[in-house]
Amino acid sequence: MKYQILISSVAEAETEQIFLSISQRLSQEKAKEWYKGLLKAIQSLEKMPKRCALARENEHFNFNIK
């Protein structure tokens, strides 16, 4: 069974900030590696959502936030 993954605009903005920070501090190649790993982790939630704990802000939503 596949689960739907929703990514908030805040998470997208934070991801972009982290990518830019890694690019500036280390290299663009390292930032790309980090981003690929992030995408892989997010995609794994489609099949195994219980592998991650609920997010701290979960209590503020009508559905689970990981």
Foldseek 3Di string as FASTA:
>chain_A
DFDDQDDDPVNVVVLVVVLVVCCVPPRNVVSVVVVVVVVVVRRVCRPVVVVDDFDPCQVVDPDTHD
